[in-house]
Amino acid sequence: ANYHEKLLVLDSAIADLRAQAGLNP
């Protein structure tokens, strides 16, 4: 269950970083 929550947080962080990288590749 903890791994599942950690992966949700990581997926959110990855999505944010990908959005920022899309603005400044």
mmCIF file of all heavy atoms, coordinates in Angstrom:
data_MODEL
# 
_entry.id   MODEL 
# 
loop_
_atom_site.group_PDB 
_atom_site.id 
_atom_site.type_symbol 
_atom_site.label_atom_id 
_atom_site.label_alt_id 
_atom_site.label_comp_id 
_atom_site.label_asym_id 
_atom_site.label_entity_id 
_atom_site.label_seq_id 
_atom_site.pdbx_PDB_ins_code 
_atom_site.Cartn_x 
_atom_site.Cartn_y 
_atom_site.Cartn_z 
_atom_site.occupancy 
_atom_site.B_iso_or_equiv 
_atom_site.pdbx_formal_charge 
_atom_site.auth_seq_id 
_atom_site.auth_comp_id 
_atom_site.auth_asym_id 
_atom_site.auth_atom_id 
_atom_site.pdbx_PDB_model_num 
ATOM 1   N N   . ALA A 1 1  ? 0.841  -1.205 0.000   1.00 0.00 ? 1  ALA A N   1 
ATOM 2   C CA  . ALA A 1 1  ? 0.000  0.000  0.000   1.00 0.00 ? 1  ALA A CA  1 
ATOM 3   C C   . ALA A 1 1  ? 0.876  1.255  0.000   1.00 0.00 ? 1  ALA A C   1 
ATOM 4   O O   . ALA A 1 1  ? 0.586  2.239  -0.702  1.00 0.00 ? 1  ALA A O   1 
ATOM 5   C CB  . ALA A 1 1  ? -0.938 -0.005 1.193   1.00 0.00 ? 1  ALA A CB  1 
ATOM 6   N N   . ASN A 1 2  ? 1.960  1.211  0.773   1.00 0.00 ? 2  ASN A N   1 
ATOM 7   C CA  . ASN A 1 2  ? 2.898  2.343  0.790   1.00 0.00 ? 2  ASN A CA  1 
ATOM 8   C C   . ASN A 1 2  ? 3.581  2.528  -0.561  1.00 0.00 ? 2  ASN A C   1 
ATOM 9   O O   . ASN A 1 2  ? 3.768  3.653  -1.026  1.00 0.00 ? 2  ASN A O   1 
ATOM 10  C CB  . ASN A 1 2  ? 3.945  2.151  1.884   1.00 0.00 ? 2  ASN A CB  1 
ATOM 11  C CG  . ASN A 1 2  ? 3.395  2.389  3.263   1.00 0.00 ? 2  ASN A CG  1 
ATOM 12  O OD1 . ASN A 1 2  ? 2.359  3.043  3.431   1.00 0.00 ? 2  ASN A OD1 1 
ATOM 13  N ND2 . ASN A 1 2  ? 4.084  1.856  4.271   1.00 0.00 ? 2  ASN A ND2 1 
ATOM 14  N N   . TYR A 1 3  ? 3.969  1.420  -1.186  1.00 0.00 ? 3  TYR A N   1 
ATOM 15  C CA  . TYR A 1 3  ? 4.553  1.504  -2.525  1.00 0.00 ? 3  TYR A CA  1 
ATOM 16  C C   . TYR A 1 3  ? 3.562  2.119  -3.514  1.00 0.00 ? 3  TYR A C   1 
ATOM 17  O O   . TYR A 1 3  ? 3.942  2.924  -4.370  1.00 0.00 ? 3  TYR A O   1 
ATOM 18  C CB  . TYR A 1 3  ? 4.993  0.126  -3.022  1.00 0.00 ? 3  TYR A CB  1 
ATOM 19  C CG  . TYR A 1 3  ? 6.298  -0.365 -2.445  1.00 0.00 ? 3  TYR A CG  1 
ATOM 20  C CD1 . TYR A 1 3  ? 6.451  -1.687 -2.046  1.00 0.00 ? 3  TYR A CD1 1 
ATOM 21  C CD2 . TYR A 1 3  ? 7.395  0.470  -2.321  1.00 0.00 ? 3  TYR A CD2 1 
ATOM 22  C CE1 . TYR A 1 3  ? 7.641  -2.154 -1.525  1.00 0.00 ? 3  TYR A CE1 1 
ATOM 23  C CE2 . TYR A 1 3  ? 8.592  0.014  -1.806  1.00 0.00 ? 3  TYR A CE2 1 
ATOM 24  C CZ  . TYR A 1 3  ? 8.712  -1.290 -1.400  1.00 0.00 ? 3  TYR A CZ  1 
ATOM 25  O OH  . TYR A 1 3  ? 9.902  -1.746 -0.896  1.00 0.00 ? 3  TYR A OH  1 
ATOM 26  N N   . HIS A 1 4  ? 2.298  1.729  -3.401  1.00 0.00 ? 4  HIS A N   1 
ATOM 27  C CA  . HIS A 1 4  ? 1.264  2.273  -4.282  1.00 0.00 ? 4  HIS A CA  1 
ATOM 28  C C   . HIS A 1 4  ? 1.161  3.790  -4.114  1.00 0.00 ? 4  HIS A C   1 
ATOM 29  O O   . HIS A 1 4  ? 1.109  4.532  -5.103  1.00 0.00 ? 4  HIS A O   1 
ATOM 30  C CB  . HIS A 1 4  ? -0.083 1.594  -3.993  1.00 0.00 ? 4  HIS A CB  1 
ATOM 31  C CG  . HIS A 1 4  ? -1.198 2.090  -4.843  1.00 0.00 ? 4  HIS A CG  1 
ATOM 32  N ND1 . HIS A 1 4  ? -1.253 1.862  -6.198  1.00 0.00 ? 4  HIS A ND1 1 
ATOM 33  C CD2 . HIS A 1 4  ? -2.303 2.814  -4.535  1.00 0.00 ? 4  HIS A CD2 1 
ATOM 34  C CE1 . HIS A 1 4  ? -2.341 2.418  -6.687  1.00 0.00 ? 4  HIS A CE1 1 
ATOM 35  N NE2 . HIS A 1 4  ? -2.999 3.008  -5.692  1.00 0.00 ? 4  HIS A NE2 1 
ATOM 36  N N   . GLU A 1 5  ? 1.147  4.264  -2.878  1.00 0.00 ? 5  GLU A N   1 
ATOM 37  C CA  . GLU A 1 5  ? 1.076  5.710  -2.627  1.00 0.00 ? 5  GLU A CA  1 
ATOM 38  C C   . GLU A 1 5  ? 2.328  6.418  -3.134  1.00 0.00 ? 5  GLU A C   1 
ATOM 39  O O   . GLU A 1 5  ? 2.254  7.502  -3.709  1.00 0.00 ? 5  GLU A O   1 
ATOM 40  C CB  . GLU A 1 5  ? 0.883  5.967  -1.136  1.00 0.00 ? 5  GLU A CB  1 
ATOM 41  C CG  . GLU A 1 5  ? -0.503 5.596  -0.643  1.00 0.00 ? 5  GLU A CG  1 
ATOM 42  C CD  . GLU A 1 5  ? -0.679 5.848  0.845   1.00 0.00 ? 5  GLU A CD  1 
ATOM 43  O OE1 . GLU A 1 5  ? 0.042  6.711  1.405   1.00 0.00 ? 5  GLU A OE1 1 
ATOM 44  O OE2 . GLU A 1 5  ? -1.530 5.176  1.444   1.00 0.00 ? 5  GLU A OE2 1 
ATOM 45  N N   . LYS A 1 6  ? 3.475  5.797  -2.924  1.00 0.00 ? 6  LYS A N   1 
ATOM 46  C CA  . LYS A 1 6  ? 4.728  6.387  -3.400  1.00 0.00 ? 6  LYS A CA  1 
ATOM 47  C C   . LYS A 1 6  ? 4.722  6.519  -4.916  1.00 0.00 ? 6  LYS A C   1 
ATOM 48  O O   . LYS A 1 6  ? 5.131  7.541  -5.472  1.00 0.00 ? 6  LYS A O   1 
ATOM 49  C CB  . LYS A 1 6  ? 5.918  5.537  -2.944  1.00 0.00 ? 6  LYS A CB  1 
ATOM 50  C CG  . LYS A 1 6  ? 7.263  6.096  -3.358  1.00 0.00 ? 6  LYS A CG  1 
ATOM 51  C CD  . LYS A 1 6  ? 8.402  5.228  -2.855  1.00 0.00 ? 6  LYS A CD  1 
ATOM 52  C CE  . LYS A 1 6  ? 9.744  5.779  -3.296  1.00 0.00 ? 6  LYS A CE  1 
ATOM 53  N NZ  . LYS A 1 6  ? 10.855 4.930  -2.838  1.00 0.00 ? 6  LYS A NZ  1 
ATOM 54  N N   . LEU A 1 7  ? 4.217  5.505  -5.590  1.00 0.00 ? 7  LEU A N   1 
ATOM 55  C CA  . LEU A 1 7  ? 4.151  5.553  -7.053  1.00 0.00 ? 7  LEU A CA  1 
ATOM 56  C C   . LEU A 1 7  ? 3.182  6.635  -7.532  1.00 0.00 ? 7  LEU A C   1 
ATOM 57  O O   . LEU A 1 7  ? 3.430  7.268  -8.562  1.00 0.00 ? 7  LEU A O   1 
ATOM 58  C CB  . LEU A 1 7  ? 3.767  4.181  -7.613  1.00 0.00 ? 7  LEU A CB  1 
ATOM 59  C CG  . LEU A 1 7  ? 4.884  3.132  -7.521  1.00 0.00 ? 7  LEU A CG  1 
ATOM 60  C CD1 . LEU A 1 7  ? 4.337  1.741  -7.807  1.00 0.00 ? 7  LEU A CD1 1 
ATOM 61  C CD2 . LEU A 1 7  ? 6.020  3.482  -8.463  1.00 0.00 ? 7  LEU A CD2 1 
ATOM 62  N N   . LEU A 1 8  ? 2.092  6.849  -6.802  1.00 0.00 ? 8  LEU A N   1 
ATOM 63  C CA  . LEU A 1 8  ? 1.174  7.935  -7.165  1.00 0.00 ? 8  LEU A CA  1 
ATOM 64  C C   . LEU A 1 8  ? 1.863  9.295  -7.056  1.00 0.00 ? 8  LEU A C   1 
ATOM 65  O O   . LEU A 1 8  ? 1.699  10.161 -7.929  1.00 0.00 ? 8  LEU A O   1 
ATOM 66  C CB  . LEU A 1 8  ? -0.081 7.888  -6.284  1.00 0.00 ? 8  LEU A CB  1 
ATOM 67  C CG  . LEU A 1 8  ? -1.029 6.716  -6.517  1.00 0.00 ? 8  LEU A CG  1 
ATOM 68  C CD1 . LEU A 1 8  ? -2.171 6.740  -5.493  1.00 0.00 ? 8  LEU A CD1 1 
ATOM 69  C CD2 . LEU A 1 8  ? -1.581 6.753  -7.934  1.00 0.00 ? 8  LEU A CD2 1 
ATOM 70  N N   . VAL A 1 9  ? 2.636  9.475  -5.991  1.00 0.00 ? 9  VAL A N   1 
ATOM 71  C CA  . VAL A 1 9  ? 3.377  10.731 -5.814  1.00 0.00 ? 9  VAL A CA  1 
ATOM 72  C C   . VAL A 1 9  ? 4.424  10.898 -6.916  1.00 0.00 ? 9  VAL A C   1 
ATOM 73  O O   . VAL A 1 9  ? 4.575  11.979 -7.493  1.00 0.00 ? 9  VAL A O   1 
ATOM 74  C CB  . VAL A 1 9  ? 4.028  10.783 -4.410  1.00 0.00 ? 9  VAL A CB  1 
ATOM 75  C CG1 . VAL A 1 9  ? 4.981  11.963 -4.281  1.00 0.00 ? 9  VAL A CG1 1 
ATOM 76  C CG2 . VAL A 1 9  ? 2.959  10.850 -3.329  1.00 0.00 ? 9  VAL A CG2 1 
ATOM 77  N N   . LEU A 1 10 ? 5.139  9.812  -7.218  1.00 0.00 ? 10 LEU A N   1 
ATOM 78  C CA  . LEU A 1 10 ? 6.143  9.874  -8.286  1.00 0.00 ? 10 LEU A CA  1 
ATOM 79  C C   . LEU A 1 10 ? 5.511  10.176 -9.636  1.00 0.00 ? 10 LEU A C   1 
ATOM 80  O O   . LEU A 1 10 ? 6.042  10.971 -10.417 1.00 0.00 ? 10 LEU A O   1 
ATOM 81  C CB  . LEU A 1 10 ? 6.925  8.558  -8.351  1.00 0.00 ? 10 LEU A CB  1 
ATOM 82  C CG  . LEU A 1 10 ? 7.945  8.326  -7.240  1.00 0.00 ? 10 LEU A CG  1 
ATOM 83  C CD1 . LEU A 1 10 ? 8.477  6.901  -7.285  1.00 0.00 ? 10 LEU A CD1 1 
ATOM 84  C CD2 . LEU A 1 10 ? 9.078  9.329  -7.343  1.00 0.00 ? 10 LEU A CD2 1 
ATOM 85  N N   . ASP A 1 11 ? 4.365  9.562  -9.923  1.00 0.00 ? 11 ASP A N   1 
ATOM 86  C CA  . ASP A 1 11 ? 3.676  9.835  -11.193 1.00 0.00 ? 11 ASP A CA  1 
ATOM 87  C C   . ASP A 1 11 ? 3.259  11.297 -11.285 1.00 0.00 ? 11 ASP A C   1 
ATOM 88  O O   . ASP A 1 11 ? 3.348  11.915 -12.353 1.00 0.00 ? 11 ASP A O   1 
ATOM 89  C CB  . ASP A 1 11 ? 2.465  8.916  -11.353 1.00 0.00 ? 11 ASP A CB  1 
ATOM 90  C CG  . ASP A 1 11 ? 2.858  7.488  -11.698 1.00 0.00 ? 11 ASP A CG  1 
ATOM 91  O OD1 . ASP A 1 11 ? 3.988  7.285  -12.197 1.00 0.00 ? 11 ASP A OD1 1 
ATOM 92  O OD2 . ASP A 1 11 ? 2.032  6.570  -11.476 1.00 0.00 ? 11 ASP A OD2 1 
ATOM 93  N N   . SER A 1 12 ? 2.802  11.862 -10.179 1.00 0.00 ? 12 SER A N   1 
ATOM 94  C CA  . SER A 1 12 ? 2.424  13.277 -10.163 1.00 0.00 ? 12 SER A CA  1 
ATOM 95  C C   . SER A 1 12 ? 3.636  14.170 -10.403 1.00 0.00 ? 12 SER A C   1 
ATOM 96  O O   . SER A 1 12 ? 3.571  15.122 -11.186 1.00 0.00 ? 12 SER A O   1 
ATOM 97  C CB  . SER A 1 12 ? 1.776  13.616 -8.819  1.00 0.00 ? 12 SER A CB  1 
ATOM 98  O OG  . SER A 1 12 ? 1.501  14.986 -8.741  1.00 0.00 ? 12 SER A OG  1 
ATOM 99  N N   . ALA A 1 13 ? 4.746  13.856 -9.749  1.00 0.00 ? 13 ALA A N   1 
ATOM 100 C CA  . ALA A 1 13 ? 5.975  14.638 -9.934  1.00 0.00 ? 13 ALA A CA  1 
ATOM 101 C C   . ALA A 1 13 ? 6.483  14.521 -11.369 1.00 0.00 ? 13 ALA A C   1 
ATOM 102 O O   . ALA A 1 13 ? 6.917  15.506 -11.973 1.00 0.00 ? 13 ALA A O   1 
ATOM 103 C CB  . ALA A 1 13 ? 7.050  14.179 -8.955  1.00 0.00 ? 13 ALA A CB  1 
ATOM 104 N N   . ILE A 1 14 ? 6.398  13.320 -11.928 1.00 0.00 ? 14 ILE A N   1 
ATOM 105 C CA  . ILE A 1 14 ? 6.834  13.115 -13.314 1.00 0.00 ? 14 ILE A CA  1 
ATOM 106 C C   . ILE A 1 14 ? 5.959  13.919 -14.268 1.00 0.00 ? 14 ILE A C   1 
ATOM 107 O O   . ILE A 1 14 ? 6.461  14.553 -15.200 1.00 0.00 ? 14 ILE A O   1 
ATOM 108 C CB  . ILE A 1 14 ? 6.829  11.606 -13.664 1.00 0.00 ? 14 ILE A CB  1 
ATOM 109 C CG1 . ILE A 1 14 ? 7.988  10.911 -12.958 1.00 0.00 ? 14 ILE A CG1 1 
ATOM 110 C CG2 . ILE A 1 14 ? 6.908  11.384 -15.177 1.00 0.00 ? 14 ILE A CG2 1 
ATOM 111 C CD1 . ILE A 1 14 ? 7.960  9.390  -13.040 1.00 0.00 ? 14 ILE A CD1 1 
ATOM 112 N N   . ALA A 1 15 ? 4.656  13.919 -14.025 1.00 0.00 ? 15 ALA A N   1 
ATOM 113 C CA  . ALA A 1 15 ? 3.753  14.686 -14.888 1.00 0.00 ? 15 ALA A CA  1 
ATOM 114 C C   . ALA A 1 15 ? 4.073  16.184 -14.824 1.00 0.00 ? 15 ALA A C   1 
ATOM 115 O O   . ALA A 1 15 ? 4.091  16.868 -15.856 1.00 0.00 ? 15 ALA A O   1 
ATOM 116 C CB  . ALA A 1 15 ? 2.301  14.433 -14.488 1.00 0.00 ? 15 ALA A CB  1 
ATOM 117 N N   . ASP A 1 16 ? 4.345  16.688 -13.622 1.00 0.00 ? 16 ASP A N   1 
ATOM 118 C CA  . ASP A 1 16 ? 4.700  18.106 -13.482 1.00 0.00 ? 16 ASP A CA  1 
ATOM 119 C C   . ASP A 1 16 ? 6.000  18.427 -14.205 1.00 0.00 ? 16 ASP A C   1 
ATOM 120 O O   . ASP A 1 16 ? 6.091  19.431 -14.920 1.00 0.00 ? 16 ASP A O   1 
ATOM 121 C CB  . ASP A 1 16 ? 4.831  18.484 -12.006 1.00 0.00 ? 16 ASP A CB  1 
ATOM 122 C CG  . ASP A 1 16 ? 3.499  18.550 -11.281 1.00 0.00 ? 16 ASP A CG  1 
ATOM 123 O OD1 . ASP A 1 16 ? 2.450  18.615 -11.962 1.00 0.00 ? 16 ASP A OD1 1 
ATOM 124 O OD2 . ASP A 1 16 ? 3.508  18.543 -10.035 1.00 0.00 ? 16 ASP A OD2 1 
ATOM 125 N N   . LEU A 1 17 ? 7.006  17.588 -14.021 1.00 0.00 ? 17 LEU A N   1 
ATOM 126 C CA  . LEU A 1 17 ? 8.294  17.827 -14.679 1.00 0.00 ? 17 LEU A CA  1 
ATOM 127 C C   . LEU A 1 17 ? 8.183  17.719 -16.199 1.00 0.00 ? 17 LEU A C   1 
ATOM 128 O O   . LEU A 1 17 ? 8.822  18.477 -16.926 1.00 0.00 ? 17 LEU A O   1 
ATOM 129 C CB  . LEU A 1 17 ? 9.347  16.858 -14.146 1.00 0.00 ? 17 LEU A CB  1 
ATOM 130 C CG  . LEU A 1 17 ? 9.862  17.161 -12.748 1.00 0.00 ? 17 LEU A CG  1 
ATOM 131 C CD1 . LEU A 1 17 ? 10.706 16.007 -12.226 1.00 0.00 ? 17 LEU A CD1 1 
ATOM 132 C CD2 . LEU A 1 17 ? 10.658 18.449 -12.739 1.00 0.00 ? 17 LEU A CD2 1 
ATOM 133 N N   . ARG A 1 18 ? 7.375  16.787 -16.675 1.00 0.00 ? 18 ARG A N   1 
ATOM 134 C CA  . ARG A 1 18 ? 7.186  16.667 -18.134 1.00 0.00 ? 18 ARG A CA  1 
ATOM 135 C C   . ARG A 1 18 ? 6.504  17.904 -18.700 1.00 0.00 ? 18 ARG A C   1 
ATOM 136 O O   . ARG A 1 18 ? 6.839  18.356 -19.796 1.00 0.00 ? 18 ARG A O   1 
ATOM 137 C CB  . ARG A 1 18 ? 6.391  15.412 -18.462 1.00 0.00 ? 18 ARG A CB  1 
ATOM 138 C CG  . ARG A 1 18 ? 7.226  14.150 -18.256 1.00 0.00 ? 18 ARG A CG  1 
ATOM 139 C CD  . ARG A 1 18 ? 6.482  12.909 -18.577 1.00 0.00 ? 18 ARG A CD  1 
ATOM 140 N NE  . ARG A 1 18 ? 6.161  12.856 -19.991 1.00 0.00 ? 18 ARG A NE  1 
ATOM 141 C CZ  . ARG A 1 18 ? 5.283  12.028 -20.526 1.00 0.00 ? 18 ARG A CZ  1 
ATOM 142 N NH1 . ARG A 1 18 ? 4.657  11.166 -19.755 1.00 0.00 ? 18 ARG A NH1 1 
ATOM 143 N NH2 . ARG A 1 18 ? 5.056  12.029 -21.812 1.00 0.00 ? 18 ARG A NH2 1 
ATOM 144 N N   . ALA A 1 19 ? 5.548  18.463 -17.950 1.00 0.00 ? 19 ALA A N   1 
ATOM 145 C CA  . ALA A 1 19 ? 4.878  19.687 -18.403 1.00 0.00 ? 19 ALA A CA  1 
ATOM 146 C C   . ALA A 1 19 ? 5.875  20.838 -18.466 1.00 0.00 ? 19 ALA A C   1 
ATOM 147 O O   . ALA A 1 19 ? 5.889  21.613 -19.433 1.00 0.00 ? 19 ALA A O   1 
ATOM 148 C CB  . ALA A 1 19 ? 3.718  20.023 -17.473 1.00 0.00 ? 19 ALA A CB  1 
ATOM 149 N N   . GLN A 1 20 ? 6.725  20.956 -17.443 1.00 0.00 ? 20 GLN A N   1 
ATOM 150 C CA  . GLN A 1 20 ? 7.733  22.014 -17.437 1.00 0.00 ? 20 GLN A CA  1 
ATOM 151 C C   . GLN A 1 20 ? 8.760  21.800 -18.546 1.00 0.00 ? 20 GLN A C   1 
ATOM 152 O O   . GLN A 1 20 ? 9.192  22.754 -19.191 1.00 0.00 ? 20 GLN A O   1 
ATOM 153 C CB  . GLN A 1 20 ? 8.428  22.073 -16.081 1.00 0.00 ? 20 GLN A CB  1 
ATOM 154 C CG  . GLN A 1 20 ? 7.556  22.586 -14.963 1.00 0.00 ? 20 GLN A CG  1 
ATOM 155 C CD  . GLN A 1 20 ? 8.274  22.559 -13.624 1.00 0.00 ? 20 GLN A CD  1 
ATOM 156 O OE1 . GLN A 1 20 ? 9.495  22.453 -13.555 1.00 0.00 ? 20 GLN A OE1 1 
ATOM 157 N NE2 . GLN A 1 20 ? 7.507  22.646 -12.550 1.00 0.00 ? 20 GLN A NE2 1 
ATOM 158 N N   . ALA A 1 21 ? 9.156  20.565 -18.762 1.00 0.00 ? 21 ALA A N   1 
ATOM 159 C CA  . ALA A 1 21 ? 10.116 20.265 -19.826 1.00 0.00 ? 21 ALA A CA  1 
ATOM 160 C C   . ALA A 1 21 ? 9.503  20.529 -21.195 1.00 0.00 ? 21 ALA A C   1 
ATOM 161 O O   . ALA A 1 21 ? 10.215 20.882 -22.133 1.00 0.00 ? 21 ALA A O   1 
ATOM 162 C CB  . ALA A 1 21 ? 10.596 18.823 -19.723 1.00 0.00 ? 21 ALA A CB  1 
ATOM 163 N N   . GLY A 1 22 ? 8.188  20.369 -21.312 1.00 0.00 ? 22 GLY A N   1 
ATOM 164 C CA  . GLY A 1 22 ? 7.527  20.682 -22.573 1.00 0.00 ? 22 GLY A CA  1 
ATOM 165 C C   . GLY A 1 22 ? 7.584  22.167 -22.885 1.00 0.00 ? 22 GLY A C   1 
ATOM 166 O O   . GLY A 1 22 ? 7.669  22.565 -24.043 1.00 0.00 ? 22 GLY A O   1 
ATOM 167 N N   . LEU A 1 23 ? 7.566  23.000 -21.841 1.00 0.00 ? 23 LEU A N   1 
ATOM 168 C CA  . LEU A 1 23 ? 7.651  24.444 -22.037 1.00 0.00 ? 23 LEU A CA  1 
ATOM 169 C C   . LEU A 1 23 ? 9.080  24.888 -22.342 1.00 0.00 ? 23 LEU A C   1 
ATOM 170 O O   . LEU A 1 23 ? 9.290  25.879 -23.023 1.00 0.00 ? 23 LEU A O   1 
ATOM 171 C CB  . LEU A 1 23 ? 7.143  25.178 -20.786 1.00 0.00 ? 23 LEU A CB  1 
ATOM 172 C CG  . LEU A 1 23 ? 5.670  24.987 -20.446 1.00 0.00 ? 23 LEU A CG  1 
ATOM 173 C CD1 . LEU A 1 23 ? 5.340  25.656 -19.116 1.00 0.00 ? 23 LEU A CD1 1 
ATOM 174 C CD2 . LEU A 1 23 ? 4.790  25.538 -21.554 1.00 0.00 ? 23 LEU A CD2 1 
ATOM 175 N N   . ASN A 1 24 ? 10.045 24.164 -21.804 1.00 0.00 ? 24 ASN A N   1 
ATOM 176 C CA  . ASN A 1 24 ? 11.450 24.510 -22.004 1.00 0.00 ? 24 ASN A CA  1 
ATOM 177 C C   . ASN A 1 24 ? 12.244 23.232 -22.279 1.00 0.00 ? 24 ASN A C   1 
ATOM 178 O O   . ASN A 1 24 ? 12.915 22.709 -21.403 1.00 0.00 ? 24 ASN A O   1 
ATOM 179 C CB  . ASN A 1 24 ? 11.974 25.234 -20.754 1.00 0.00 ? 24 ASN A CB  1 
ATOM 180 C CG  . ASN A 1 24 ? 13.336 25.829 -20.965 1.00 0.00 ? 24 ASN A CG  1 
ATOM 181 O OD1 . ASN A 1 24 ? 13.924 25.713 -22.031 1.00 0.00 ? 24 ASN A OD1 1 
ATOM 182 N ND2 . ASN A 1 24 ? 13.856 26.466 -19.934 1.00 0.00 ? 24 ASN A ND2 1 
ATOM 183 N N   . PRO A 1 25 ? 12.164 22.719 -23.493 1.00 0.00 ? 25 PRO A N   1 
ATOM 184 C CA  . PRO A 1 25 ? 12.746 21.412 -23.806 1.00 0.00 ? 25 PRO A CA  1 
ATOM 185 C C   . PRO A 1 25 ? 14.257 21.311 -23.625 1.00 0.00 ? 25 PRO A C   1 
ATOM 186 O O   . PRO A 1 25 ? 14.774 20.237 -23.407 1.00 0.00 ? 25 PRO A O   1 
ATOM 187 C CB  . PRO A 1 25 ? 12.383 21.187 -25.280 1.00 0.00 ? 25 PRO A CB  1 
ATOM 188 C CG  . PRO A 1 25 ? 11.399 22.210 -25.630 1.00 0.00 ? 25 PRO A CG  1 
ATOM 189 C CD  . PRO A 1 25 ? 11.497 23.304 -24.634 1.00 0.00 ? 25 PRO A CD  1 
# 
